[in-house]
Amino acid sequence: MTTRENAAAQVKQVQVQLVRRMQECFNSRRFDQAADLHTPDFFSHPLGIPGFEAGKDAWRALVARFPDVRVLLVDGDKAAVRSTVEGITGPDGDAQPMLFEIFRIEDGRFAEMWGASTGFPPAASPEDVAAG
């Protein structure tokens, strides 16, 4: 492996560890600990709001509405995450809801996030729950 390949592998490992730490904070409901994983000017594109406080509020609203929800790390490529959400029953036996998130990482912390969701019941997507 070349030096460049080694460096790329190390960066990927750090990014995957960062994403896993965030997932652990969500699943354990230790939302305050996740703040240290984000830059001070973190921006959530789905919420359209800067700062991680909005993200914590969205997480709290989501778990208040769906107390059994758990986000599982399914795959991580750099800072791209696809998560399956448990604890939400889809209409007519639809597939489990999923979240697709892309993170920009800066100096070992999340700086921005883009995301989309699919399979949530009407008005139950993370974006709708956070806005409501």
C-alpha atoms as a PDB file:
ATOM      1  CA  MET A   1       0.000   0.000   0.000  1.00  0.00           C
ATOM      2  CA  THR A   2       1.332   3.442  -0.887  1.00  0.00           C
ATOM      3  CA  THR A   3       1.692   6.295   1.573  1.00  0.00           C
ATOM      4  CA  ARG A   4      -1.257   8.007  -0.095  1.00  0.00           C
ATOM      5  CA  GLU A   5      -3.400   4.869   0.208  1.00  0.00           C
ATOM      6  CA  ASN A   6      -2.400   4.516   3.875  1.00  0.00           C
ATOM      7  CA  ALA A   7      -3.356   8.136   4.535  1.00  0.00           C
ATOM      8  CA  ALA A   8      -6.705   7.682   2.774  1.00  0.00           C
ATOM      9  CA  ALA A   9      -7.407   4.518   4.771  1.00  0.00           C
ATOM     10  CA  GLN A  10      -6.624   6.346   8.026  1.00  0.00           C
ATOM     11  CA  VAL A  11      -8.940   9.230   7.119  1.00  0.00           C
ATOM     12  CA  LYS A  12     -11.721   6.782   6.280  1.00  0.00           C
ATOM     13  CA  GLN A  13     -11.225   4.986   9.587  1.00  0.00           C
ATOM     14  CA  VAL A  14     -11.471   8.275  11.522  1.00  0.00           C
ATOM     15  CA  GLN A  15     -14.616   9.233   9.608  1.00  0.00           C
ATOM     16  CA  VAL A  16     -16.288   5.879  10.226  1.00  0.00           C
ATOM     17  CA  GLN A  17     -15.427   6.114  13.943  1.00  0.00           C
ATOM     18  CA  LEU A  18     -16.937   9.609  14.061  1.00  0.00           C
ATOM     19  CA  VAL A  19     -20.160   8.422  12.443  1.00  0.00           C
ATOM     20  CA  ARG A  20     -20.347   5.444  14.820  1.00  0.00           C
ATOM     21  CA  ARG A  21     -19.867   7.747  17.823  1.00  0.00           C
ATOM     22  CA  MET A  22     -22.748   9.902  16.592  1.00  0.00           C
ATOM     23  CA  GLN A  23     -24.959   6.835  16.102  1.00  0.00           C
ATOM     24  CA  GLU A  24     -24.103   5.663  19.633  1.00  0.00           C
ATOM     25  CA  CYS A  25     -25.052   9.066  21.045  1.00  0.00           C
ATOM     26  CA  PHE A  26     -28.428   8.835  19.303  1.00  0.00           C
ATOM     27  CA  ASN A  27     -29.176   5.255  20.296  1.00  0.00           C
ATOM     28  CA  SER A  28     -28.165   5.832  23.924  1.00  0.00           C
ATOM     29  CA  ARG A  29     -30.039   9.170  23.982  1.00  0.00           C
ATOM     30  CA  ARG A  30     -26.863  11.009  25.072  1.00  0.00           C
ATOM     31  CA  PHE A  31     -27.603  13.896  22.737  1.00  0.00           C
ATOM     32  CA  ASP A  32     -25.462  16.413  24.628  1.00  0.00           C
ATOM     33  CA  GLN A  33     -22.357  14.269  24.044  1.00  0.00           C
ATOM     34  CA  ALA A  34     -22.929  14.502  20.297  1.00  0.00           C
ATOM     35  CA  ALA A  35     -22.425  18.280  20.386  1.00  0.00           C
ATOM     36  CA  ASP A  36     -18.655  17.808  20.674  1.00  0.00           C
ATOM     37  CA  LEU A  37     -18.722  15.856  17.407  1.00  0.00           C
ATOM     38  CA  HIS A  38     -19.930  18.899  15.446  1.00  0.00           C
ATOM     39  CA  THR A  39     -18.173  22.119  14.497  1.00  0.00           C
ATOM     40  CA  PRO A  40     -19.482  25.338  16.092  1.00  0.00           C
ATOM     41  CA  ASP A  41     -20.891  26.401  12.713  1.00  0.00           C
ATOM     42  CA  PHE A  42     -22.426  22.993  11.849  1.00  0.00           C
ATOM     43  CA  PHE A  43     -25.266  23.391   9.352  1.00  0.00           C
ATOM     44  CA  SER A  44     -28.119  20.909   8.854  1.00  0.00           C
ATOM     45  CA  HIS A  45     -29.383  21.305   5.303  1.00  0.00           C
ATOM     46  CA  PRO A  46     -32.621  19.311   5.880  1.00  0.00           C
ATOM     47  CA  LEU A  47     -33.536  21.556   8.818  1.00  0.00           C
ATOM     48  CA  GLY A  48     -32.128  24.686   7.180  1.00  0.00           C
ATOM     49  CA  ILE A  49     -30.685  25.772  10.509  1.00  0.00           C
ATOM     50  CA  PRO A  50     -27.112  26.347  11.711  1.00  0.00           C
ATOM     51  CA  GLY A  51     -25.808  24.923  14.987  1.00  0.00           C
ATOM     52  CA  PHE A  52     -26.151  21.491  16.511  1.00  0.00           C
ATOM     53  CA  GLU A  53     -28.807  22.633  19.028  1.00  0.00           C
ATOM     54  CA  ALA A  54     -31.378  22.337  16.223  1.00  0.00           C
ATOM     55  CA  GLY A  55     -30.151  18.787  15.581  1.00  0.00           C
ATOM     56  CA  LYS A  56     -30.511  17.875  19.246  1.00  0.00           C
ATOM     57  CA  ASP A  57     -34.010  19.341  19.259  1.00  0.00           C
ATOM     58  CA  ALA A  58     -34.879  17.288  16.177  1.00  0.00           C
ATOM     59  CA  TRP A  59     -33.500  14.129  17.811  1.00  0.00           C
ATOM     60  CA  ARG A  60     -35.493  14.807  20.989  1.00  0.00           C
ATOM     61  CA  ALA A  61     -38.685  15.403  18.998  1.00  0.00           C
ATOM     62  CA  LEU A  62     -38.135  12.212  17.017  1.00  0.00           C
ATOM     63  CA  VAL A  63     -37.611  10.003  20.091  1.00  0.00           C
ATOM     64  CA  ALA A  64     -40.504  11.684  21.918  1.00  0.00           C
ATOM     65  CA  ARG A  65     -42.760  10.694  19.065  1.00  0.00           C
ATOM     66  CA  PHE A  66     -41.154   7.283  18.488  1.00  0.00           C
ATOM     67  CA  PRO A  67     -39.587   6.157  21.799  1.00  0.00           C
ATOM     68  CA  ASP A  68     -38.349   2.833  20.413  1.00  0.00           C
ATOM     69  CA  VAL A  69     -36.548   4.328  17.405  1.00  0.00           C
ATOM     70  CA  ARG A  70     -32.943   3.227  16.980  1.00  0.00           C
ATOM     71  CA  VAL A  71     -30.624   4.266  14.200  1.00  0.00           C
ATOM     72  CA  LEU A  72     -28.244   1.542  13.113  1.00  0.00           C
ATOM     73  CA  LEU A  73     -25.078   2.137  11.148  1.00  0.00           C
ATOM     74  CA  VAL A  74     -25.541   0.005   8.061  1.00  0.00           C
ATOM     75  CA  ASP A  75     -22.758   1.250   5.874  1.00  0.00           C
ATOM     76  CA  GLY A  76     -20.203   3.979   5.988  1.00  0.00           C
ATOM     77  CA  ASP A  77     -18.082   5.241   3.121  1.00  0.00           C
ATOM     78  CA  LYS A  78     -16.146   8.188   4.323  1.00  0.00           C
ATOM     79  CA  ALA A  79     -18.975  10.270   5.737  1.00  0.00           C
ATOM     80  CA  ALA A  80     -21.896   8.799   3.832  1.00  0.00           C
ATOM     81  CA  VAL A  81     -24.332   6.930   6.063  1.00  0.00           C
ATOM     82  CA  ARG A  82     -27.374   4.823   5.319  1.00  0.00           C
ATOM     83  CA  SER A  83     -29.315   3.994   8.470  1.00  0.00           C
ATOM     84  CA  THR A  84     -32.264   1.689   9.016  1.00  0.00           C
ATOM     85  CA  VAL A  85     -34.743   2.948  11.584  1.00  0.00           C
ATOM     86  CA  GLU A  86     -36.362   0.400  13.906  1.00  0.00           C
ATOM     87  CA  GLY A  87     -39.414   0.951  16.066  1.00  0.00           C
ATOM     88  CA  ILE A  88     -41.639   2.534  13.409  1.00  0.00           C
ATOM     89  CA  THR A  89     -44.263   0.453  11.679  1.00  0.00           C
ATOM     90  CA  GLY A  90     -44.738   1.347   8.049  1.00  0.00           C
ATOM     91  CA  PRO A  91     -48.195   1.269   6.468  1.00  0.00           C
ATOM     92  CA  ASP A  92     -49.192  -2.040   4.923  1.00  0.00           C
ATOM     93  CA  GLY A  93     -45.941  -3.784   5.808  1.00  0.00           C
ATOM     94  CA  ASP A  94     -43.727  -1.398   3.857  1.00  0.00           C
ATOM     95  CA  ALA A  95     -39.955  -1.643   4.225  1.00  0.00           C
ATOM     96  CA  GLN A  96     -38.394  -0.188   7.350  1.00  0.00           C
ATOM     97  CA  PRO A  97     -37.792   3.551   7.180  1.00  0.00           C
ATOM     98  CA  MET A  98     -34.304   4.592   6.172  1.00  0.00           C
ATOM     99  CA  LEU A  99     -32.189   7.709   6.540  1.00  0.00           C
ATOM    100  CA  PHE A 100     -29.550   8.739   4.047  1.00  0.00           C
ATOM    101  CA  GLU A 101     -27.063  11.263   5.369  1.00  0.00           C
ATOM    102  CA  ILE A 102     -23.920  12.798   3.972  1.00  0.00           C
ATOM    103  CA  PHE A 103     -21.565  14.593   6.317  1.00  0.00           C
ATOM    104  CA  ARG A 104     -18.787  17.021   5.576  1.00  0.00           C
ATOM    105  CA  ILE A 105     -16.066  16.557   8.168  1.00  0.00           C
ATOM    106  CA  GLU A 106     -13.702  19.318   9.147  1.00  0.00           C
ATOM    107  CA  ASP A 107     -10.791  18.806  11.545  1.00  0.00           C
ATOM    108  CA  GLY A 108     -12.268  15.535  12.818  1.00  0.00           C
ATOM    109  CA  ARG A 109     -15.749  16.965  13.474  1.00  0.00           C
ATOM    110  CA  PHE A 110     -19.006  17.205  11.534  1.00  0.00           C
ATOM    111  CA  ALA A 111     -19.322  20.543   9.755  1.00  0.00           C
ATOM    112  CA  GLU A 112     -22.377  20.027   7.524  1.00  0.00           C
ATOM    113  CA  MET A 113     -25.043  17.427   6.905  1.00  0.00           C
ATOM    114  CA  TRP A 114     -27.322  16.696   3.970  1.00  0.00           C
ATOM    115  CA  GLY A 115     -29.953  14.031   4.248  1.00  0.00           C
ATOM    116  CA  ALA A 116     -33.096  12.416   3.012  1.00  0.00           C
ATOM    117  CA  SER A 117     -35.450   9.842   4.409  1.00  0.00           C
ATOM    118  CA  THR A 118     -37.723   7.220   2.931  1.00  0.00           C
ATOM    119  CA  GLY A 119     -40.334   4.784   4.206  1.00  0.00           C
ATOM    120  CA  PHE A 120     -41.630   6.902   7.086  1.00  0.00           C
ATOM    121  CA  PRO A 121     -45.400   7.077   7.620  1.00  0.00           C
ATOM    122  CA  PRO A 122     -46.981  10.362   6.462  1.00  0.00           C
ATOM    123  CA  ALA A 123     -45.834  13.366   8.541  1.00  0.00           C
ATOM    124  CA  ALA A 124     -43.363  11.189  10.473  1.00  0.00           C
ATOM    125  CA  SER A 125     -40.140  11.830   8.596  1.00  0.00           C
ATOM    126  CA  PRO A 126     -37.365  13.343  10.726  1.00  0.00           C
ATOM    127  CA  GLU A 127     -37.773  16.629   8.868  1.00  0.00           C
ATOM    128  CA  ASP A 128     -41.537  16.755   9.517  1.00  0.00           C
ATOM    129  CA  VAL A 129     -41.183  15.746  13.177  1.00  0.00           C
ATOM    130  CA  ALA A 130     -38.515  18.401  13.789  1.00  0.00           C
ATOM    131  CA  ALA A 131     -40.572  21.096  12.073  1.00  0.00           C
ATOM    132  CA  GLY A 132     -43.798  20.144  13.848  1.00  0.00           C
END
